[in-house]
PDB file of N, CA and C in Angstrom:
ATOM      1  N   MET A   1     -42.295  24.230 -31.575  1.00  0.00           N
ATOM      2  CA  MET A   1     -42.703  25.556 -32.019  1.00  0.00           C
ATOM      3  C   MET A   1     -42.082  25.877 -33.380  1.00  0.00           C
ATOM      4  N   VAL A   2     -42.921  26.163 -34.344  1.00  0.00           N
ATOM      5  CA  VAL A   2     -42.441  26.469 -35.683  1.00  0.00           C
ATOM      6  C   VAL A   2     -42.536  27.974 -35.898  1.00  0.00           C
ATOM      7  N   GLN A   3     -41.397  28.594 -36.147  1.00  0.00           N
ATOM      8  CA  GLN A   3     -41.373  30.038 -36.358  1.00  0.00           C
ATOM      9  C   GLN A   3     -41.266  30.320 -37.845  1.00  0.00           C
ATOM     10  N   HIS A   4     -42.272  30.992 -38.391  1.00  0.00           N
ATOM     11  CA  HIS A   4     -42.236  31.347 -39.806  1.00  0.00           C
ATOM     12  C   HIS A   4     -41.438  32.628 -39.997  1.00  0.00           C
ATOM     13  N   SER A   5     -40.942  32.837 -41.201  1.00  0.00           N
ATOM     14  CA  SER A   5     -40.072  33.986 -41.462  1.00  0.00           C
ATOM     15  C   SER A   5     -40.870  35.223 -41.840  1.00  0.00           C
ATOM     16  N   THR A   6     -42.152  35.265 -41.481  1.00  0.00           N
ATOM     17  CA  THR A   6     -42.955  36.465 -41.749  1.00  0.00           C
ATOM     18  C   THR A   6     -42.802  37.420 -40.574  1.00  0.00           C
ATOM     19  N   PRO A   7     -42.273  38.618 -40.804  1.00  0.00           N
ATOM     20  CA  PRO A   7     -41.976  39.534 -39.692  1.00  0.00           C
ATOM     21  C   PRO A   7     -43.219  40.150 -39.071  1.00  0.00           C
ATOM     22  N   ASP A   8     -44.331  40.212 -39.803  1.00  0.00           N
ATOM     23  CA  ASP A   8     -45.521  40.890 -39.289  1.00  0.00           C
ATOM     24  C   ASP A   8     -46.582  39.913 -38.793  1.00  0.00           C
ATOM     25  N   SER A   9     -46.151  38.765 -38.245  1.00  0.00           N
ATOM     26  CA  SER A   9     -47.132  37.778 -37.802  1.00  0.00           C
ATOM     27  C   SER A   9     -47.656  38.126 -36.410  1.00  0.00           C
ATOM     28  N   THR A  10     -46.790  38.036 -35.383  1.00  0.00           N
ATOM     29  CA  THR A  10     -47.230  38.343 -34.015  1.00  0.00           C
ATOM     30  C   THR A  10     -46.161  39.144 -33.279  1.00  0.00           C
ATOM     31  N   THR A  11     -45.337  39.908 -34.009  1.00  0.00           N
ATOM     32  CA  THR A  11     -44.265  40.657 -33.345  1.00  0.00           C
ATOM     33  C   THR A  11     -44.808  41.843 -32.571  1.00  0.00           C
ATOM     34  N   ASP A  12     -46.023  42.314 -32.893  1.00  0.00           N
ATOM     35  CA  ASP A  12     -46.593  43.452 -32.179  1.00  0.00           C
ATOM     36  C   ASP A  12     -47.165  43.029 -30.830  1.00  0.00           C
ATOM     37  N   LEU A  13     -47.563  41.755 -30.702  1.00  0.00           N
ATOM     38  CA  LEU A  13     -48.161  41.292 -29.463  1.00  0.00           C
ATOM     39  C   LEU A  13     -47.100  40.790 -28.487  1.00  0.00           C
ATOM     40  N   VAL A  14     -45.979  40.291 -29.008  1.00  0.00           N
ATOM     41  CA  VAL A  14     -44.947  39.706 -28.155  1.00  0.00           C
ATOM     42  C   VAL A  14     -43.878  40.747 -27.885  1.00  0.00           C
ATOM     43  N   PRO A  15     -43.503  40.960 -26.619  1.00  0.00           N
ATOM     44  CA  PRO A  15     -42.418  41.901 -26.297  1.00  0.00           C
ATOM     45  C   PRO A  15     -41.088  41.415 -26.851  1.00  0.00           C
ATOM     46  N   SER A  16     -40.146  42.340 -27.002  1.00  0.00           N
ATOM     47  CA  SER A  16     -38.900  42.031 -27.685  1.00  0.00           C
ATOM     48  C   SER A  16     -37.985  41.160 -26.829  1.00  0.00           C
ATOM     49  N   GLU A  17     -38.223  41.083 -25.519  1.00  0.00           N
ATOM     50  CA  GLU A  17     -37.339  40.277 -24.678  1.00  0.00           C
ATOM     51  C   GLU A  17     -37.730  38.804 -24.685  1.00  0.00           C
ATOM     52  N   PHE A  18     -38.930  38.487 -25.173  1.00  0.00           N
ATOM     53  CA  PHE A  18     -39.412  37.116 -25.049  1.00  0.00           C
ATOM     54  C   PHE A  18     -38.640  36.118 -25.910  1.00  0.00           C
ATOM     55  N   PRO A  19     -38.374  36.406 -27.198  1.00  0.00           N
ATOM     56  CA  PRO A  19     -37.616  35.430 -27.997  1.00  0.00           C
ATOM     57  C   PRO A  19     -36.191  35.264 -27.490  1.00  0.00           C
ATOM     58  N   ARG A  20     -35.599  36.354 -26.968  1.00  0.00           N
ATOM     59  CA  ARG A  20     -34.226  36.260 -26.475  1.00  0.00           C
ATOM     60  C   ARG A  20     -34.169  35.365 -25.243  1.00  0.00           C
ATOM     61  N   GLN A  21     -35.129  35.513 -24.327  1.00  0.00           N
ATOM     62  CA  GLN A  21     -35.156  34.657 -23.138  1.00  0.00           C
ATOM     63  C   GLN A  21     -35.422  33.208 -23.531  1.00  0.00           C
ATOM     64  N   LEU A  22     -36.255  32.994 -24.522  1.00  0.00           N
ATOM     65  CA  LEU A  22     -36.541  31.642 -24.978  1.00  0.00           C
ATOM     66  C   LEU A  22     -35.283  31.017 -25.564  1.00  0.00           C
ATOM     67  N   ASP A  23     -34.529  31.791 -26.364  1.00  0.00           N
ATOM     68  CA  ASP A  23     -33.290  31.273 -26.933  1.00  0.00           C
ATOM     69  C   ASP A  23     -32.277  30.964 -25.844  1.00  0.00           C
ATOM     70  N   ILE A  24     -32.175  31.838 -24.826  1.00  0.00           N
ATOM     71  CA  ILE A  24     -31.224  31.611 -23.739  1.00  0.00           C
ATOM     72  C   ILE A  24     -31.593  30.337 -22.976  1.00  0.00           C
ATOM     73  N   ALA A  25     -32.881  30.143 -22.720  1.00  0.00           N
ATOM     74  CA  ALA A  25     -33.310  28.947 -22.006  1.00  0.00           C
ATOM     75  C   ALA A  25     -33.032  27.697 -22.833  1.00  0.00           C
ATOM     76  N   GLN A  26     -33.301  27.773 -24.149  1.00  0.00           N
ATOM     77  CA  GLN A  26     -33.056  26.616 -25.010  1.00  0.00           C
ATOM     78  C   GLN A  26     -31.571  26.285 -25.064  1.00  0.00           C
ATOM     79  N   VAL A  27     -30.734  27.329 -25.202  1.00  0.00           N
ATOM     80  CA  VAL A  27     -29.286  27.105 -25.262  1.00  0.00           C
ATOM     81  C   VAL A  27     -28.774  26.534 -23.942  1.00  0.00           C
ATOM     82  N   SER A  28     -29.313  27.006 -22.820  1.00  0.00           N
ATOM     83  CA  SER A  28     -28.865  26.494 -21.533  1.00  0.00           C
ATOM     84  C   SER A  28     -29.278  25.037 -21.355  1.00  0.00           C
ATOM     85  N   VAL A  29     -30.482  24.685 -21.812  1.00  0.00           N
ATOM     86  CA  VAL A  29     -30.933  23.296 -21.729  1.00  0.00           C
ATOM     87  C   VAL A  29     -30.068  22.400 -22.599  1.00  0.00           C
ATOM     88  N   TYR A  30     -29.780  22.871 -23.829  1.00  0.00           N
ATOM     89  CA  TYR A  30     -28.912  22.083 -24.715  1.00  0.00           C
ATOM     90  C   TYR A  30     -27.513  21.955 -24.129  1.00  0.00           C
ATOM     91  N   GLY A  31     -27.000  23.047 -23.560  1.00  0.00           N
ATOM     92  CA  GLY A  31     -25.672  23.005 -22.970  1.00  0.00           C
ATOM     93  C   GLY A  31     -25.611  22.052 -21.787  1.00  0.00           C
ATOM     94  N   LEU A  32     -26.644  22.048 -20.955  1.00  0.00           N
ATOM     95  CA  LEU A  32     -26.667  21.149 -19.811  1.00  0.00           C
ATOM     96  C   LEU A  32     -26.735  19.692 -20.268  1.00  0.00           C
ATOM     97  N   SER A  33     -27.532  19.429 -21.306  1.00  0.00           N
ATOM     98  CA  SER A  33     -27.641  18.044 -21.783  1.00  0.00           C
ATOM     99  C   SER A  33     -26.322  17.575 -22.380  1.00  0.00           C
ATOM    100  N   PHE A  34     -25.674  18.454 -23.165  1.00  0.00           N
ATOM    101  CA  PHE A  34     -24.382  18.076 -23.734  1.00  0.00           C
ATOM    102  C   PHE A  34     -23.330  17.896 -22.642  1.00  0.00           C
ATOM    103  N   LEU A  35     -23.383  18.764 -21.620  1.00  0.00           N
ATOM    104  CA  LEU A  35     -22.408  18.674 -20.547  1.00  0.00           C
ATOM    105  C   LEU A  35     -22.583  17.378 -19.758  1.00  0.00           C
ATOM    106  N   SER A  36     -23.827  17.031 -19.466  1.00  0.00           N
ATOM    107  CA  SER A  36     -24.060  15.797 -18.716  1.00  0.00           C
ATOM    108  C   SER A  36     -23.700  14.577 -19.553  1.00  0.00           C
ATOM    109  N   ALA A  37     -24.000  14.629 -20.854  1.00  0.00           N
ATOM    110  CA  ALA A  37     -23.631  13.518 -21.730  1.00  0.00           C
ATOM    111  C   ALA A  37     -22.111  13.378 -21.800  1.00  0.00           C
ATOM    112  N   GLY A  38     -21.404  14.507 -21.903  1.00  0.00           N
ATOM    113  CA  GLY A  38     -19.944  14.460 -21.934  1.00  0.00           C
ATOM    114  C   GLY A  38     -19.369  13.915 -20.636  1.00  0.00           C
ATOM    115  N   LEU A  39     -19.967  14.308 -19.505  1.00  0.00           N
ATOM    116  CA  LEU A  39     -19.491  13.809 -18.226  1.00  0.00           C
ATOM    117  C   LEU A  39     -19.691  12.291 -18.127  1.00  0.00           C
ATOM    118  N   PHE A  40     -20.854  11.824 -18.527  1.00  0.00           N
ATOM    119  CA  PHE A  40     -21.118  10.391 -18.463  1.00  0.00           C
ATOM    120  C   PHE A  40     -20.240   9.615 -19.429  1.00  0.00           C
ATOM    121  N   LEU A  41     -19.869  10.228 -20.552  1.00  0.00           N
ATOM    122  CA  LEU A  41     -19.018   9.531 -21.520  1.00  0.00           C
ATOM    123  C   LEU A  41     -17.558   9.506 -21.061  1.00  0.00           C
ATOM    124  N   PHE A  42     -17.068  10.643 -20.533  1.00  0.00           N
ATOM    125  CA  PHE A  42     -15.647  10.756 -20.236  1.00  0.00           C
ATOM    126  C   PHE A  42     -15.307  10.450 -18.785  1.00  0.00           C
ATOM    127  N   LEU A  43     -16.312  10.146 -17.960  1.00  0.00           N
ATOM    128  CA  LEU A  43     -16.019   9.841 -16.556  1.00  0.00           C
ATOM    129  C   LEU A  43     -15.264   8.522 -16.409  1.00  0.00           C
ATOM    130  N   PRO A  44     -15.617   7.446 -17.107  1.00  0.00           N
ATOM    131  CA  PRO A  44     -14.849   6.191 -16.929  1.00  0.00           C
ATOM    132  C   PRO A  44     -13.406   6.288 -17.416  1.00  0.00           C
ATOM    133  N   TYR A  45     -13.129   7.206 -18.354  1.00  0.00           N
ATOM    134  CA  TYR A  45     -11.793   7.275 -18.931  1.00  0.00           C
ATOM    135  C   TYR A  45     -10.849   8.188 -18.148  1.00  0.00           C
ATOM    136  N   SER A  46     -11.412   9.004 -17.253  1.00  0.00           N
ATOM    137  CA  SER A  46     -10.544   9.929 -16.520  1.00  0.00           C
ATOM    138  C   SER A  46      -9.902   9.230 -15.322  1.00  0.00           C
TER     139      SER A  46
END
């Protein structure tokens, strides 16, 4: 998804909670992937 920096593109059609929930979901997915990668990397050394 490519988000352009034009403020008047589709902000009237999309509710204000939608981008925040999308960011939270993306951050949680990234956090889970980093956490699992860290566990797999540091498990043999612990």
